[in-house]
Amino acid sequence: MPHAAKLLLAAASLLLSFNVSAACSMAAIMNAPKMPAASEASFEEVAELHTQVDRYLEKASSRLERCADISDPFLYNVAVDYLNRVAANYNSLAQAHNTQITLSAR
């Protein structure tokens, strides 16, 4: 096989492996629950969202763990950061809702 063909095949393999690793990390974090604005969420919605967020984070983390060995470290870290932001967004929503309930009970 000519040197140019080997080089082209190597480049194609590298590109494909990068796409596979990117796809794994990004697919692992798909379908996050939608977060409503704190002012628009009822107690029941926040409680149900808690279950959805917990389930999502558990499944997404498990899927992401399977990507650890094949993913580009940068993309893997981006995915981990996204999961952390989903958790932080829910925690902020719950905190705002709890504060609103506490203030209205006074």
N, C-alpha and C. Protein backbone atom coordinates (compact mmCIF):
# COMPACT_ATOMS: atom_id res chain seq x y z
N MET A 1 0.85 -1.17 0.00
CA MET A 1 0.00 0.00 0.00
C MET A 1 0.90 1.24 0.00
N PRO A 2 0.63 2.18 -0.87
CA PRO A 2 1.46 3.39 -0.94
C PRO A 2 1.37 4.18 0.38
N HIS A 3 2.42 4.92 0.64
CA HIS A 3 2.53 5.71 1.89
C HIS A 3 1.37 6.70 2.02
N ALA A 4 0.99 7.35 0.94
CA ALA A 4 -0.10 8.33 0.99
C ALA A 4 -1.41 7.65 1.37
N ALA A 5 -1.65 6.46 0.86
CA ALA A 5 -2.88 5.73 1.18
C ALA A 5 -2.89 5.33 2.65
N LYS A 6 -1.74 4.90 3.18
CA LYS A 6 -1.65 4.55 4.60
C LYS A 6 -1.91 5.77 5.48
N LEU A 7 -1.36 6.89 5.07
CA LEU A 7 -1.55 8.13 5.82
C LEU A 7 -3.02 8.54 5.81
N LEU A 8 -3.65 8.44 4.66
CA LEU A 8 -5.06 8.78 4.53
C LEU A 8 -5.92 7.85 5.37
N LEU A 9 -5.60 6.56 5.36
CA LEU A 9 -6.34 5.58 6.16
C LEU A 9 -6.16 5.87 7.65
N ALA A 10 -4.96 6.21 8.06
CA ALA A 10 -4.70 6.54 9.46
C ALA A 10 -5.48 7.80 9.88
N ALA A 11 -5.51 8.79 9.01
CA ALA A 11 -6.24 10.02 9.31
C ALA A 11 -7.74 9.74 9.41
N ALA A 12 -8.25 8.92 8.51
CA ALA A 12 -9.67 8.56 8.55
C ALA A 12 -10.00 7.79 9.83
N SER A 13 -9.12 6.89 10.23
CA SER A 13 -9.33 6.12 11.46
C SER A 13 -9.34 7.03 12.68
N LEU A 14 -8.42 7.98 12.70
CA LEU A 14 -8.35 8.92 13.81
C LEU A 14 -9.62 9.77 13.89
N LEU A 15 -10.07 10.26 12.74
CA LEU A 15 -11.29 11.06 12.70
C LEU A 15 -12.49 10.25 13.15
N LEU A 16 -12.58 9.01 12.71
CA LEU A 16 -13.69 8.15 13.10
C LEU A 16 -13.66 7.88 14.60
N SER A 17 -12.49 7.59 15.14
CA SER A 17 -12.41 7.32 16.58
C SER A 17 -12.75 8.56 17.38
N PHE A 18 -12.38 9.75 16.90
CA PHE A 18 -12.75 10.98 17.59
C PHE A 18 -14.26 11.15 17.58
N ASN A 19 -14.89 10.89 16.43
CA ASN A 19 -16.34 11.02 16.33
C ASN A 19 -17.05 10.02 17.23
N VAL A 20 -16.54 8.80 17.31
CA VAL A 20 -17.14 7.79 18.19
C VAL A 20 -17.02 8.22 19.64
N SER A 21 -15.85 8.71 20.03
CA SER A 21 -15.67 9.13 21.43
C SER A 21 -16.54 10.34 21.75
N ALA A 22 -16.67 11.26 20.82
CA ALA A 22 -17.53 12.43 21.03
C ALA A 22 -18.98 11.99 21.11
N ALA A 23 -19.37 11.08 20.24
CA ALA A 23 -20.74 10.60 20.23
C ALA A 23 -21.09 9.90 21.54
N CYS A 24 -20.16 9.12 22.08
CA CYS A 24 -20.42 8.40 23.33
C CYS A 24 -20.68 9.37 24.47
N SER A 25 -19.81 10.33 24.66
CA SER A 25 -19.96 11.29 25.76
C SER A 25 -21.23 12.13 25.60
N MET A 26 -21.48 12.58 24.40
CA MET A 26 -22.64 13.44 24.18
C MET A 26 -23.95 12.64 24.26
N ALA A 27 -23.94 11.41 23.75
CA ALA A 27 -25.14 10.58 23.83
C ALA A 27 -25.46 10.23 25.28
N ALA A 28 -24.44 10.08 26.10
CA ALA A 28 -24.64 9.70 27.50
C ALA A 28 -25.44 10.75 28.27
N ILE A 29 -25.35 12.00 27.88
CA ILE A 29 -26.00 13.07 28.65
C ILE A 29 -27.26 13.62 27.98
N MET A 30 -27.73 12.96 26.95
CA MET A 30 -28.94 13.43 26.26
C MET A 30 -30.18 13.28 27.14
N ASN A 31 -31.19 14.03 26.79
CA ASN A 31 -32.53 13.93 27.39
C ASN A 31 -32.62 14.35 28.85
N ALA A 32 -31.93 15.41 29.19
CA ALA A 32 -32.05 15.97 30.54
C ALA A 32 -33.46 16.52 30.73
N PRO A 33 -34.00 16.40 31.95
CA PRO A 33 -35.33 16.97 32.20
C PRO A 33 -35.32 18.48 32.01
N LYS A 34 -36.41 19.02 31.55
CA LYS A 34 -36.55 20.47 31.38
C LYS A 34 -36.79 21.10 32.75
N MET A 35 -36.08 22.19 32.99
CA MET A 35 -36.19 22.90 34.26
C MET A 35 -37.08 24.13 34.08
N PRO A 36 -38.19 24.19 34.81
CA PRO A 36 -39.02 25.40 34.72
C PRO A 36 -38.40 26.53 35.54
N ALA A 37 -38.85 27.72 35.29
CA ALA A 37 -38.42 28.85 36.12
C ALA A 37 -39.00 28.66 37.51
N ALA A 38 -38.29 29.10 38.52
CA ALA A 38 -38.73 28.93 39.90
C ALA A 38 -40.12 29.52 40.13
N SER A 39 -40.39 30.64 39.48
CA SER A 39 -41.69 31.31 39.66
C SER A 39 -42.83 30.56 38.98
N GLU A 40 -42.52 29.62 38.11
CA GLU A 40 -43.56 28.90 37.37
C GLU A 40 -43.80 27.48 37.88
N ALA A 41 -43.00 27.02 38.83
CA ALA A 41 -43.08 25.62 39.26
C ALA A 41 -43.89 25.49 40.54
N SER A 42 -44.82 24.54 40.54
CA SER A 42 -45.58 24.24 41.76
C SER A 42 -44.80 23.27 42.62
N PHE A 43 -45.25 23.09 43.85
CA PHE A 43 -44.61 22.14 44.75
C PHE A 43 -44.60 20.74 44.13
N GLU A 44 -45.72 20.34 43.55
CA GLU A 44 -45.83 19.02 42.93
C GLU A 44 -44.86 18.85 41.77
N GLU A 45 -44.71 19.91 40.97
CA GLU A 45 -43.79 19.86 39.83
C GLU A 45 -42.34 19.73 40.30
N VAL A 46 -41.98 20.46 41.33
CA VAL A 46 -40.61 20.39 41.86
C VAL A 46 -40.36 19.00 42.44
N ALA A 47 -41.35 18.44 43.14
CA ALA A 47 -41.20 17.10 43.71
C ALA A 47 -41.05 16.06 42.61
N GLU A 48 -41.86 16.15 41.57
CA GLU A 48 -41.76 15.21 40.45
C GLU A 48 -40.44 15.40 39.70
N LEU A 49 -40.04 16.62 39.56
CA LEU A 49 -38.78 16.90 38.88
C LEU A 49 -37.60 16.31 39.65
N HIS A 50 -37.71 16.30 40.97
CA HIS A 50 -36.65 15.68 41.79
C HIS A 50 -36.45 14.22 41.37
N THR A 51 -37.54 13.50 41.23
CA THR A 51 -37.47 12.09 40.81
C THR A 51 -36.88 11.99 39.40
N GLN A 52 -37.32 12.85 38.50
CA GLN A 52 -36.81 12.82 37.12
C GLN A 52 -35.33 13.15 37.06
N VAL A 53 -34.90 14.15 37.82
CA VAL A 53 -33.49 14.55 37.82
C VAL A 53 -32.63 13.44 38.41
N ASP A 54 -33.08 12.87 39.52
CA ASP A 54 -32.32 11.76 40.12
C ASP A 54 -32.17 10.60 39.15
N ARG A 55 -33.26 10.23 38.51
CA ARG A 55 -33.24 9.12 37.55
C ARG A 55 -32.33 9.45 36.37
N TYR A 56 -32.46 10.67 35.85
CA TYR A 56 -31.62 11.10 34.73
C TYR A 56 -30.14 11.06 35.10
N LEU A 57 -29.78 11.65 36.26
CA LEU A 57 -28.38 11.70 36.66
C LEU A 57 -27.81 10.30 36.88
N GLU A 58 -28.60 9.41 37.44
CA GLU A 58 -28.14 8.04 37.66
C GLU A 58 -27.88 7.33 36.32
N LYS A 59 -28.83 7.43 35.41
CA LYS A 59 -28.68 6.76 34.11
C LYS A 59 -27.57 7.40 33.27
N ALA A 60 -27.54 8.73 33.24
CA ALA A 60 -26.52 9.42 32.44
C ALA A 60 -25.12 9.16 32.99
N SER A 61 -24.99 9.14 34.30
CA SER A 61 -23.68 8.86 34.90
C SER A 61 -23.22 7.44 34.56
N SER A 62 -24.15 6.52 34.61
CA SER A 62 -23.82 5.13 34.27
C SER A 62 -23.40 5.01 32.81
N ARG A 63 -24.14 5.68 31.92
CA ARG A 63 -23.77 5.65 30.49
C ARG A 63 -22.43 6.31 30.27
N LEU A 64 -22.18 7.42 30.96
CA LEU A 64 -20.94 8.15 30.80
C LEU A 64 -19.75 7.34 31.31
N GLU A 65 -19.93 6.58 32.37
CA GLU A 65 -18.85 5.73 32.88
C GLU A 65 -18.37 4.75 31.80
N ARG A 66 -19.31 4.26 31.00
CA ARG A 66 -18.93 3.32 29.93
C ARG A 66 -18.14 4.02 28.83
N CYS A 67 -18.19 5.32 28.77
CA CYS A 67 -17.46 6.09 27.76
C CYS A 67 -16.06 6.47 28.23
N ALA A 68 -15.78 6.31 29.51
CA ALA A 68 -14.54 6.84 30.09
C ALA A 68 -13.29 6.37 29.35
N ASP A 69 -13.25 5.11 28.96
CA ASP A 69 -12.04 4.57 28.33
C ASP A 69 -11.91 4.94 26.85
N ILE A 70 -13.03 5.29 26.23
CA ILE A 70 -12.96 5.58 24.78
C ILE A 70 -13.13 7.05 24.45
N SER A 71 -13.53 7.84 25.42
CA SER A 71 -13.82 9.25 25.15
C SER A 71 -12.57 10.11 25.22
N ASP A 72 -12.59 11.15 24.43
CA ASP A 72 -11.59 12.19 24.54
C ASP A 72 -11.75 12.81 25.93
N PRO A 73 -10.67 12.99 26.67
CA PRO A 73 -10.79 13.52 28.04
C PRO A 73 -11.50 14.87 28.12
N PHE A 74 -11.27 15.73 27.16
CA PHE A 74 -11.93 17.03 27.17
C PHE A 74 -13.45 16.86 27.05
N LEU A 75 -13.89 16.04 26.09
CA LEU A 75 -15.33 15.85 25.88
C LEU A 75 -15.96 15.13 27.06
N TYR A 76 -15.24 14.21 27.64
CA TYR A 76 -15.73 13.51 28.83
C TYR A 76 -15.94 14.52 29.96
N ASN A 77 -14.98 15.41 30.15
CA ASN A 77 -15.10 16.42 31.21
C ASN A 77 -16.22 17.41 30.93
N VAL A 78 -16.44 17.73 29.66
CA VAL A 78 -17.57 18.60 29.30
C VAL A 78 -18.88 17.92 29.70
N ALA A 79 -18.98 16.63 29.43
CA ALA A 79 -20.19 15.88 29.78
C ALA A 79 -20.38 15.82 31.29
N VAL A 80 -19.30 15.58 32.04
CA VAL A 80 -19.38 15.56 33.51
C VAL A 80 -19.82 16.93 34.02
N ASP A 81 -19.26 17.99 33.45
CA ASP A 81 -19.64 19.34 33.85
C ASP A 81 -21.13 19.59 33.58
N TYR A 82 -21.63 19.10 32.47
CA TYR A 82 -23.05 19.27 32.14
C TYR A 82 -23.92 18.59 33.20
N LEU A 83 -23.54 17.36 33.59
CA LEU A 83 -24.31 16.67 34.63
C LEU A 83 -24.28 17.45 35.94
N ASN A 84 -23.14 18.02 36.27
CA ASN A 84 -23.05 18.84 37.48
C ASN A 84 -23.94 20.07 37.39
N ARG A 85 -24.03 20.66 36.20
CA ARG A 85 -24.89 21.85 36.03
C ARG A 85 -26.36 21.48 36.12
N VAL A 86 -26.74 20.31 35.60
CA VAL A 86 -28.14 19.86 35.73
C VAL A 86 -28.49 19.73 37.21
N ALA A 87 -27.61 19.09 37.98
CA ALA A 87 -27.84 18.94 39.42
C ALA A 87 -27.90 20.30 40.12
N ALA A 88 -26.98 21.18 39.79
CA ALA A 88 -26.96 22.51 40.40
C ALA A 88 -28.21 23.31 40.05
N ASN A 89 -28.66 23.22 38.80
CA ASN A 89 -29.87 23.93 38.39
C ASN A 89 -31.08 23.43 39.17
N TYR A 90 -31.18 22.11 39.34
CA TYR A 90 -32.30 21.58 40.12
C TYR A 90 -32.20 22.04 41.58
N ASN A 91 -31.00 21.97 42.14
CA ASN A 91 -30.81 22.39 43.53
C ASN A 91 -31.19 23.86 43.72
N SER A 92 -30.85 24.70 42.76
CA SER A 92 -31.23 26.12 42.82
C SER A 92 -32.74 26.29 42.75
N LEU A 93 -33.37 25.52 41.88
CA LEU A 93 -34.83 25.56 41.75
C LEU A 93 -35.48 25.12 43.06
N ALA A 94 -35.01 24.02 43.63
CA ALA A 94 -35.58 23.52 44.88
C ALA A 94 -35.35 24.52 46.01
N GLN A 95 -34.17 25.11 46.07
CA GLN A 95 -33.87 26.09 47.12
C GLN A 95 -34.78 27.31 46.99
N ALA A 96 -34.95 27.80 45.78
CA ALA A 96 -35.83 28.95 45.56
C ALA A 96 -37.27 28.61 45.95
N HIS A 97 -37.69 27.42 45.60
CA HIS A 97 -39.05 26.99 45.93
C HIS A 97 -39.21 26.85 47.44
N ASN A 98 -38.22 26.26 48.10
CA ASN A 98 -38.28 26.11 49.57
C ASN A 98 -38.28 27.46 50.26
N THR A 99 -37.49 28.41 49.77
CA THR A 99 -37.47 29.75 50.33
C THR A 99 -38.82 30.42 50.17
N GLN A 100 -39.42 30.25 48.99
CA GLN A 100 -40.74 30.84 48.73
C GLN A 100 -41.79 30.26 49.67
N ILE A 101 -41.74 28.97 49.90
CA ILE A 101 -42.71 28.32 50.80
C ILE A 101 -42.50 28.81 52.24
N THR A 102 -41.24 28.90 52.65
CA THR A 102 -40.93 29.34 54.01
C THR A 102 -41.41 30.78 54.24
N LEU A 103 -41.17 31.64 53.25
CA LEU A 103 -41.58 33.05 53.39
C LEU A 103 -43.10 33.20 53.39
N SER A 104 -43.79 32.39 52.59
CA SER A 104 -45.24 32.50 52.52
C SER A 104 -45.91 31.91 53.75
N ALA A 105 -45.21 31.05 54.49
CA ALA A 105 -45.78 30.45 55.70
C ALA A 105 -45.68 31.37 56.89
N ARG A 106 -44.92 32.42 56.79
CA ARG A 106 -44.77 33.35 57.93
C ARG A 106 -45.90 34.30 58.05
